[in-house]
Amino acid sequence: MLLGVGGGWQLWQSETGEGLRADYRTDKGAVSHQLLEDDSQLTLNTQSAADVPFDVHQRAVHLWYGEIAITTAKDAQQRPFRVMTR
């Protein structure tokens, strides 16, 4: 039983595990178009995963794996738009 729990924890902490918990993700062969809360557009290519943690200080996209395309919108609060990758 302990081995199963340990293996599950490793998966949860891995890049694949992060992708499974991501705000947005696509399966093989799928493409996803998302309108973000600031009116920016995020496109995820096939087999991609990303989190979008926006807050009062910044707009951010964290790409866990795969490919994305972003069209940024003007931000009334003048927050920077940051993209983080592995």
PDB file of N, CA and C in Angstrom:
ATOM      1  N   MET A   1       0.815  -1.192   0.000  1.00  0.00           N
ATOM      2  CA  MET A   1       0.000   0.000   0.000  1.00  0.00           C
ATOM      3  C   MET A   1       0.864   1.265   0.000  1.00  0.00           C
ATOM      4  N   LEU A   2       1.927   1.266   0.801  1.00  0.00           N
ATOM      5  CA  LEU A   2       2.799   2.428   0.852  1.00  0.00           C
ATOM      6  C   LEU A   2       3.436   2.716  -0.492  1.00  0.00           C
ATOM      7  N   LEU A   3       3.797   1.700  -1.223  1.00  0.00           N
ATOM      8  CA  LEU A   3       4.387   1.875  -2.536  1.00  0.00           C
ATOM      9  C   LEU A   3       3.411   2.583  -3.468  1.00  0.00           C
ATOM     10  N   GLY A   4       2.141   2.202  -3.424  1.00  0.00           N
ATOM     11  CA  GLY A   4       1.122   2.845  -4.257  1.00  0.00           C
ATOM     12  C   GLY A   4       0.946   4.302  -3.899  1.00  0.00           C
ATOM     13  N   VAL A   5       0.953   4.633  -2.627  1.00  0.00           N
ATOM     14  CA  VAL A   5       0.820   6.025  -2.181  1.00  0.00           C
ATOM     15  C   VAL A   5       2.027   6.830  -2.625  1.00  0.00           C
ATOM     16  N   GLY A   6       3.231   6.256  -2.457  1.00  0.00           N
ATOM     17  CA  GLY A   6       4.447   6.949  -2.871  1.00  0.00           C
ATOM     18  C   GLY A   6       4.468   7.217  -4.366  1.00  0.00           C
ATOM     19  N   GLY A   7       4.073   6.227  -5.157  1.00  0.00           N
ATOM     20  CA  GLY A   7       4.021   6.406  -6.610  1.00  0.00           C
ATOM     21  C   GLY A   7       2.992   7.440  -7.014  1.00  0.00           C
ATOM     22  N   GLY A   8       1.856   7.445  -6.318  1.00  0.00           N
ATOM     23  CA  GLY A   8       0.825   8.452  -6.598  1.00  0.00           C
ATOM     24  C   GLY A   8       1.311   9.854  -6.274  1.00  0.00           C
ATOM     25  N   TRP A   9       2.038   9.994  -5.176  1.00  0.00           N
ATOM     26  CA  TRP A   9       2.576  11.304  -4.784  1.00  0.00           C
ATOM     27  C   TRP A   9       3.589  11.793  -5.813  1.00  0.00           C
ATOM     28  N   GLN A  10       4.450  10.888  -6.302  1.00  0.00           N
ATOM     29  CA  GLN A  10       5.430  11.276  -7.313  1.00  0.00           C
ATOM     30  C   GLN A  10       4.738  11.737  -8.595  1.00  0.00           C
ATOM     31  N   LEU A  11       3.689  11.053  -9.022  1.00  0.00           N
ATOM     32  CA  LEU A  11       2.952  11.474 -10.204  1.00  0.00           C
ATOM     33  C   LEU A  11       2.333  12.844  -9.972  1.00  0.00           C
ATOM     34  N   TRP A  12       1.736  13.049  -8.806  1.00  0.00           N
ATOM     35  CA  TRP A  12       1.076  14.327  -8.488  1.00  0.00           C
ATOM     36  C   TRP A  12       2.075  15.472  -8.528  1.00  0.00           C
ATOM     37  N   GLN A  13       3.314  15.229  -8.122  1.00  0.00           N
ATOM     38  CA  GLN A  13       4.339  16.263  -8.077  1.00  0.00           C
ATOM     39  C   GLN A  13       5.081  16.408  -9.411  1.00  0.00           C
ATOM     40  N   SER A  14       4.909  15.496 -10.326  1.00  0.00           N
ATOM     41  CA  SER A  14       5.630  15.518 -11.592  1.00  0.00           C
ATOM     42  C   SER A  14       5.010  16.517 -12.563  1.00  0.00           C
ATOM     43  N   GLU A  15       5.703  16.736 -13.677  1.00  0.00           N
ATOM     44  CA  GLU A  15       5.185  17.612 -14.729  1.00  0.00           C
ATOM     45  C   GLU A  15       3.837  17.117 -15.237  1.00  0.00           C
ATOM     46  N   THR A  16       3.697  15.815 -15.391  1.00  0.00           N
ATOM     47  CA  THR A  16       2.421  15.250 -15.835  1.00  0.00           C
ATOM     48  C   THR A  16       1.338  15.526 -14.804  1.00  0.00           C
ATOM     49  N   GLY A  17       1.667  15.351 -13.536  1.00  0.00           N
ATOM     50  CA  GLY A  17       0.709  15.635 -12.472  1.00  0.00           C
ATOM     51  C   GLY A  17       0.302  17.088 -12.458  1.00  0.00           C
ATOM     52  N   GLU A  18       1.268  17.993 -12.647  1.00  0.00           N
ATOM     53  CA  GLU A  18       0.944  19.421 -12.713  1.00  0.00           C
ATOM     54  C   GLU A  18      -0.024  19.680 -13.871  1.00  0.00           C
ATOM     55  N   GLY A  19       0.225  19.049 -14.998  1.00  0.00           N
ATOM     56  CA  GLY A  19      -0.647  19.223 -16.155  1.00  0.00           C
ATOM     57  C   GLY A  19      -2.061  18.728 -15.901  1.00  0.00           C
ATOM     58  N   LEU A  20      -2.185  17.652 -15.138  1.00  0.00           N
ATOM     59  CA  LEU A  20      -3.514  17.120 -14.824  1.00  0.00           C
ATOM     60  C   LEU A  20      -4.309  18.086 -13.953  1.00  0.00           C
ATOM     61  N   ARG A  21      -3.615  18.894 -13.172  1.00  0.00           N
ATOM     62  CA  ARG A  21      -4.276  19.865 -12.294  1.00  0.00           C
ATOM     63  C   ARG A  21      -4.355  21.253 -12.920  1.00  0.00           C
ATOM     64  N   ALA A  22      -3.886  21.428 -14.138  1.00  0.00           N
ATOM     65  CA  ALA A  22      -3.797  22.740 -14.771  1.00  0.00           C
ATOM     66  C   ALA A  22      -5.176  23.363 -14.998  1.00  0.00           C
ATOM     67  N   ASP A  23      -5.189  24.706 -15.045  1.00  0.00           N
ATOM     68  CA  ASP A  23      -6.421  25.436 -15.338  1.00  0.00           C
ATOM     69  C   ASP A  23      -6.978  25.046 -16.709  1.00  0.00           C
ATOM     70  N   TYR A  24      -6.088  24.911 -17.670  1.00  0.00           N
ATOM     71  CA  TYR A  24      -6.484  24.550 -19.040  1.00  0.00           C
ATOM     72  C   TYR A  24      -5.552  23.459 -19.531  1.00  0.00           C
ATOM     73  N   ARG A  25      -6.109  22.471 -20.258  1.00  0.00           N
ATOM     74  CA  ARG A  25      -5.279  21.430 -20.860  1.00  0.00           C
ATOM     75  C   ARG A  25      -6.002  20.856 -22.076  1.00  0.00           C
ATOM     76  N   THR A  26      -5.214  20.289 -22.978  1.00  0.00           N
ATOM     77  CA  THR A  26      -5.779  19.655 -24.161  1.00  0.00           C
ATOM     78  C   THR A  26      -5.255  18.236 -24.277  1.00  0.00           C
ATOM     79  N   ASP A  27      -6.071  17.387 -24.847  1.00  0.00           N
ATOM     80  CA  ASP A  27      -5.686  16.008 -25.111  1.00  0.00           C
ATOM     81  C   ASP A  27      -5.044  15.912 -26.490  1.00  0.00           C
ATOM     82  N   LYS A  28      -4.549  14.744 -26.807  1.00  0.00           N
ATOM     83  CA  LYS A  28      -3.936  14.505 -28.112  1.00  0.00           C
ATOM     84  C   LYS A  28      -4.954  14.787 -29.212  1.00  0.00           C
ATOM     85  N   GLY A  29      -4.546  15.606 -30.177  1.00  0.00           N
ATOM     86  CA  GLY A  29      -5.395  15.936 -31.316  1.00  0.00           C
ATOM     87  C   GLY A  29      -6.332  17.110 -31.099  1.00  0.00           C
ATOM     88  N   ALA A  30      -6.403  17.630 -29.875  1.00  0.00           N
ATOM     89  CA  ALA A  30      -7.322  18.734 -29.569  1.00  0.00           C
ATOM     90  C   ALA A  30      -6.570  20.063 -29.522  1.00  0.00           C
ATOM     91  N   VAL A  31      -7.276  21.133 -29.846  1.00  0.00           N
ATOM     92  CA  VAL A  31      -6.783  22.496 -29.713  1.00  0.00           C
ATOM     93  C   VAL A  31      -7.869  23.268 -28.962  1.00  0.00           C
ATOM     94  N   SER A  32      -7.451  24.138 -28.042  1.00  0.00           N
ATOM     95  CA  SER A  32      -8.412  24.869 -27.223  1.00  0.00           C
ATOM     96  C   SER A  32      -8.158  26.370 -27.313  1.00  0.00           C
ATOM     97  N   HIS A  33      -9.227  27.146 -27.470  1.00  0.00           N
ATOM     98  CA  HIS A  33      -9.152  28.608 -27.501  1.00  0.00           C
ATOM     99  C   HIS A  33      -9.875  29.130 -26.266  1.00  0.00           C
ATOM    100  N   GLN A  34      -9.172  29.938 -25.463  1.00  0.00           N
ATOM    101  CA  GLN A  34      -9.747  30.451 -24.225  1.00  0.00           C
ATOM    102  C   GLN A  34      -9.682  31.977 -24.201  1.00  0.00           C
ATOM    103  N   LEU A  35     -10.763  32.592 -23.768  1.00  0.00           N
ATOM    104  CA  LEU A  35     -10.786  34.035 -23.530  1.00  0.00           C
ATOM    105  C   LEU A  35     -10.519  34.234 -22.045  1.00  0.00           C
ATOM    106  N   LEU A  36      -9.420  34.907 -21.718  1.00  0.00           N
ATOM    107  CA  LEU A  36      -9.038  35.096 -20.330  1.00  0.00           C
ATOM    108  C   LEU A  36      -9.783  36.278 -19.717  1.00  0.00           C
ATOM    109  N   GLU A  37      -9.713  36.407 -18.397  1.00  0.00           N
ATOM    110  CA  GLU A  37     -10.502  37.408 -17.681  1.00  0.00           C
ATOM    111  C   GLU A  37     -10.170  38.844 -18.067  1.00  0.00           C
ATOM    112  N   ASP A  38      -8.982  39.086 -18.645  1.00  0.00           N
ATOM    113  CA  ASP A  38      -8.614  40.441 -19.070  1.00  0.00           C
ATOM    114  C   ASP A  38      -8.860  40.648 -20.566  1.00  0.00           C
ATOM    115  N   ASP A  39      -9.544  39.710 -21.211  1.00  0.00           N
ATOM    116  CA  ASP A  39      -9.839  39.692 -22.641  1.00  0.00           C
ATOM    117  C   ASP A  39      -8.662  39.289 -23.525  1.00  0.00           C
ATOM    118  N   SER A  40      -7.565  38.846 -22.929  1.00  0.00           N
ATOM    119  CA  SER A  40      -6.485  38.244 -23.714  1.00  0.00           C
ATOM    120  C   SER A  40      -6.982  36.894 -24.215  1.00  0.00           C
ATOM    121  N   GLN A  41      -6.356  36.394 -25.279  1.00  0.00           N
ATOM    122  CA  GLN A  41      -6.747  35.105 -25.845  1.00  0.00           C
ATOM    123  C   GLN A  41      -5.593  34.115 -25.707  1.00  0.00           C
ATOM    124  N   LEU A  42      -5.912  32.925 -25.228  1.00  0.00           N
ATOM    125  CA  LEU A  42      -4.941  31.858 -25.050  1.00  0.00           C
ATOM    126  C   LEU A  42      -5.358  30.677 -25.915  1.00  0.00           C
ATOM    127  N   THR A  43      -4.444  30.208 -26.765  1.00  0.00           N
ATOM    128  CA  THR A  43      -4.687  29.016 -27.569  1.00  0.00           C
ATOM    129  C   THR A  43      -3.702  27.951 -27.138  1.00  0.00           C
ATOM    130  N   LEU A  44      -4.230  26.791 -26.772  1.00  0.00           N
ATOM    131  CA  LEU A  44      -3.391  25.647 -26.408  1.00  0.00           C
ATOM    132  C   LEU A  44      -3.401  24.661 -27.564  1.00  0.00           C
ATOM    133  N   ASN A  45      -2.222  24.296 -28.024  1.00  0.00           N
ATOM    134  CA  ASN A  45      -2.100  23.283 -29.061  1.00  0.00           C
ATOM    135  C   ASN A  45      -2.333  21.907 -28.437  1.00  0.00           C
ATOM    136  N   THR A  46      -2.307  20.890 -29.239  1.00  0.00           N
ATOM    137  CA  THR A  46      -2.538  19.526 -28.775  1.00  0.00           C
ATOM    138  C   THR A  46      -1.562  19.137 -27.657  1.00  0.00           C
ATOM    139  N   GLN A  47      -2.039  18.369 -26.705  1.00  0.00           N
ATOM    140  CA  GLN A  47      -1.263  17.865 -25.571  1.00  0.00           C
ATOM    141  C   GLN A  47      -0.506  18.984 -24.848  1.00  0.00           C
ATOM    142  N   SER A  48      -1.234  19.996 -24.416  1.00  0.00           N
ATOM    143  CA  SER A  48      -0.655  21.136 -23.717  1.00  0.00           C
ATOM    144  C   SER A  48      -1.391  21.362 -22.405  1.00  0.00           C
ATOM    145  N   ALA A  49      -0.712  22.002 -21.451  1.00  0.00           N
ATOM    146  CA  ALA A  49      -1.330  22.317 -20.162  1.00  0.00           C
ATOM    147  C   ALA A  49      -0.757  23.628 -19.641  1.00  0.00           C
ATOM    148  N   ALA A  50      -1.634  24.482 -19.107  1.00  0.00           N
ATOM    149  CA  ALA A  50      -1.198  25.776 -18.593  1.00  0.00           C
ATOM    150  C   ALA A  50      -2.093  26.226 -17.447  1.00  0.00           C
ATOM    151  N   ASP A  51      -1.475  26.931 -16.508  1.00  0.00           N
ATOM    152  CA  ASP A  51      -2.202  27.621 -15.448  1.00  0.00           C
ATOM    153  C   ASP A  51      -2.210  29.099 -15.777  1.00  0.00           C
ATOM    154  N   VAL A  52      -3.239  29.804 -15.319  1.00  0.00           N
ATOM    155  CA  VAL A  52      -3.379  31.236 -15.586  1.00  0.00           C
ATOM    156  C   VAL A  52      -3.649  31.959 -14.265  1.00  0.00           C
ATOM    157  N   PRO A  53      -2.585  32.182 -13.466  1.00  0.00           N
ATOM    158  CA  PRO A  53      -2.769  32.859 -12.190  1.00  0.00           C
ATOM    159  C   PRO A  53      -2.698  34.385 -12.322  1.00  0.00           C
ATOM    160  N   PHE A  54      -3.837  35.000 -12.537  1.00  0.00           N
ATOM    161  CA  PHE A  54      -3.905  36.456 -12.579  1.00  0.00           C
ATOM    162  C   PHE A  54      -4.133  36.959 -11.158  1.00  0.00           C
ATOM    163  N   ASP A  55      -3.500  38.089 -10.802  1.00  0.00           N
ATOM    164  CA  ASP A  55      -3.782  38.715  -9.518  1.00  0.00           C
ATOM    165  C   ASP A  55      -3.665  40.234  -9.675  1.00  0.00           C
ATOM    166  N   VAL A  56      -3.674  40.968  -8.591  1.00  0.00           N
ATOM    167  CA  VAL A  56      -3.662  42.435  -8.669  1.00  0.00           C
ATOM    168  C   VAL A  56      -2.327  42.983  -9.147  1.00  0.00           C
ATOM    169  N   HIS A  57      -1.252  42.168  -9.099  1.00  0.00           N
ATOM    170  CA  HIS A  57       0.071  42.638  -9.474  1.00  0.00           C
ATOM    171  C   HIS A  57       0.512  42.236 -10.878  1.00  0.00           C
ATOM    172  N   GLN A  58      -0.017  41.145 -11.382  1.00  0.00           N
ATOM    173  CA  GLN A  58       0.429  40.672 -12.688  1.00  0.00           C
ATOM    174  C   GLN A  58      -0.602  39.761 -13.341  1.00  0.00           C
ATOM    175  N   ARG A  59      -0.462  39.628 -14.651  1.00  0.00           N
ATOM    176  CA  ARG A  59      -1.187  38.624 -15.417  1.00  0.00           C
ATOM    177  C   ARG A  59      -0.134  37.603 -15.813  1.00  0.00           C
ATOM    178  N   ALA A  60      -0.404  36.323 -15.564  1.00  0.00           N
ATOM    179  CA  ALA A  60       0.629  35.315 -15.809  1.00  0.00           C
ATOM    180  C   ALA A  60       0.034  34.071 -16.452  1.00  0.00           C
ATOM    181  N   VAL A  61       0.871  33.408 -17.241  1.00  0.00           N
ATOM    182  CA  VAL A  61       0.549  32.094 -17.781  1.00  0.00           C
ATOM    183  C   VAL A  61       1.749  31.203 -17.483  1.00  0.00           C
ATOM    184  N   HIS A  62       1.485  30.061 -16.875  1.00  0.00           N
ATOM    185  CA  HIS A  62       2.540  29.085 -16.608  1.00  0.00           C
ATOM    186  C   HIS A  62       2.277  27.885 -17.516  1.00  0.00           C
ATOM    187  N   LEU A  63       3.138  27.712 -18.506  1.00  0.00           N
ATOM    188  CA  LEU A  63       3.025  26.580 -19.435  1.00  0.00           C
ATOM    189  C   LEU A  63       3.733  25.386 -18.829  1.00  0.00           C
ATOM    190  N   TRP A  64       2.978  24.345 -18.513  1.00  0.00           N
ATOM    191  CA  TRP A  64       3.560  23.121 -17.952  1.00  0.00           C
ATOM    192  C   TRP A  64       4.196  22.277 -19.038  1.00  0.00           C
ATOM    193  N   TYR A  65       3.489  22.105 -20.144  1.00  0.00           N
ATOM    194  CA  TYR A  65       4.053  21.380 -21.278  1.00  0.00           C
ATOM    195  C   TYR A  65       3.209  21.687 -22.506  1.00  0.00           C
ATOM    196  N   GLY A  66       3.808  21.454 -23.683  1.00  0.00           N
ATOM    197  CA  GLY A  66       3.093  21.687 -24.931  1.00  0.00           C
ATOM    198  C   GLY A  66       3.410  23.038 -25.539  1.00  0.00           C
ATOM    199  N   GLU A  67       2.441  23.550 -26.282  1.00  0.00           N
ATOM    200  CA  GLU A  67       2.615  24.804 -27.018  1.00  0.00           C
ATOM    201  C   GLU A  67       1.404  25.690 -26.815  1.00  0.00           C
ATOM    202  N   ILE A  68       1.663  27.002 -26.698  1.00  0.00           N
ATOM    203  CA  ILE A  68       0.578  27.971 -26.582  1.00  0.00           C
ATOM    204  C   ILE A  68       0.839  29.150 -27.504  1.00  0.00           C
ATOM    205  N   ALA A  69      -0.229  29.851 -27.831  1.00  0.00           N
ATOM    206  CA  ALA A  69      -0.160  31.134 -28.524  1.00  0.00           C
ATOM    207  C   ALA A  69      -1.017  32.097 -27.711  1.00  0.00           C
ATOM    208  N   ILE A  70      -0.528  33.331 -27.542  1.00  0.00           N
ATOM    209  CA  ILE A  70      -1.235  34.306 -26.725  1.00  0.00           C
ATOM    210  C   ILE A  70      -1.378  35.609 -27.496  1.00  0.00           C
ATOM    211  N   THR A  71      -2.567  36.177 -27.454  1.00  0.00           N
ATOM    212  CA  THR A  71      -2.815  37.527 -27.939  1.00  0.00           C
ATOM    213  C   THR A  71      -3.218  38.336 -26.707  1.00  0.00           C
ATOM    214  N   THR A  72      -2.363  39.263 -26.309  1.00  0.00           N
ATOM    215  CA  THR A  72      -2.638  40.007 -25.082  1.00  0.00           C
ATOM    216  C   THR A  72      -3.569  41.185 -25.344  1.00  0.00           C
ATOM    217  N   ALA A  73      -4.355  41.490 -24.337  1.00  0.00           N
ATOM    218  CA  ALA A  73      -5.247  42.646 -24.376  1.00  0.00           C
ATOM    219  C   ALA A  73      -4.627  43.755 -23.533  1.00  0.00           C
ATOM    220  N   LYS A  74      -5.019  44.975 -23.819  1.00  0.00           N
ATOM    221  CA  LYS A  74      -4.559  46.102 -23.008  1.00  0.00           C
ATOM    222  C   LYS A  74      -5.183  45.971 -21.627  1.00  0.00           C
ATOM    223  N   ASP A  75      -4.376  46.187 -20.598  1.00  0.00           N
ATOM    224  CA  ASP A  75      -4.837  46.036 -19.223  1.00  0.00           C
ATOM    225  C   ASP A  75      -5.019  47.409 -18.590  1.00  0.00           C
ATOM    226  N   ALA A  76      -6.235  47.701 -18.144  1.00  0.00           N
ATOM    227  CA  ALA A  76      -6.540  48.999 -17.532  1.00  0.00           C
ATOM    228  C   ALA A  76      -5.689  49.260 -16.289  1.00  0.00           C
ATOM    229  N   GLN A  77      -5.304  48.193 -15.590  1.00  0.00           N
ATOM    230  CA  GLN A  77      -4.491  48.327 -14.384  1.00  0.00           C
ATOM    231  C   GLN A  77      -2.989  48.351 -14.685  1.00  0.00           C
ATOM    232  N   GLN A  78      -2.627  48.217 -15.945  1.00  0.00           N
ATOM    233  CA  GLN A  78      -1.239  48.223 -16.419  1.00  0.00           C
ATOM    234  C   GLN A  78      -0.378  47.158 -15.746  1.00  0.00           C
ATOM    235  N   ARG A  79      -0.967  45.989 -15.508  1.00  0.00           N
ATOM    236  CA  ARG A  79      -0.202  44.871 -14.958  1.00  0.00           C
ATOM    237  C   ARG A  79       0.629  44.238 -16.061  1.00  0.00           C
ATOM    238  N   PRO A  80       1.841  43.801 -15.754  1.00  0.00           N
ATOM    239  CA  PRO A  80       2.635  43.097 -16.770  1.00  0.00           C
ATOM    240  C   PRO A  80       2.013  41.749 -17.088  1.00  0.00           C
ATOM    241  N   PHE A  81       2.282  41.262 -18.301  1.00  0.00           N
ATOM    242  CA  PHE A  81       1.833  39.932 -18.720  1.00  0.00           C
ATOM    243  C   PHE A  81       3.076  39.063 -18.806  1.00  0.00           C
ATOM    244  N   ARG A  82       3.143  38.037 -17.968  1.00  0.00           N
ATOM    245  CA  ARG A  82       4.321  37.175 -17.914  1.00  0.00           C
ATOM    246  C   ARG A  82       3.962  35.764 -18.339  1.00  0.00           C
ATOM    247  N   VAL A  83       4.882  35.142 -19.079  1.00  0.00           N
ATOM    248  CA  VAL A  83       4.727  33.747 -19.474  1.00  0.00           C
ATOM    249  C   VAL A  83       5.921  32.980 -18.912  1.00  0.00           C
ATOM    250  N   MET A  84       5.635  31.939 -18.137  1.00  0.00           N
ATOM    251  CA  MET A  84       6.675  31.110 -17.547  1.00  0.00           C
ATOM    252  C   MET A  84       6.605  29.719 -18.152  1.00  0.00           C
ATOM    253  N   THR A  85       7.769  29.166 -18.474  1.00  0.00           N
ATOM    254  CA  THR A  85       7.846  27.820 -19.040  1.00  0.00           C
ATOM    255  C   THR A  85       8.868  27.017 -18.261  1.00  0.00           C
ATOM    256  N   ARG A  86       8.873  25.739 -18.501  1.00  0.00           N
ATOM    257  CA  ARG A  86       9.873  24.876 -17.837  1.00  0.00           C
ATOM    258  C   ARG A  86      11.119  24.824 -18.638  1.00  0.00           C
TER     259      ARG A  86
END
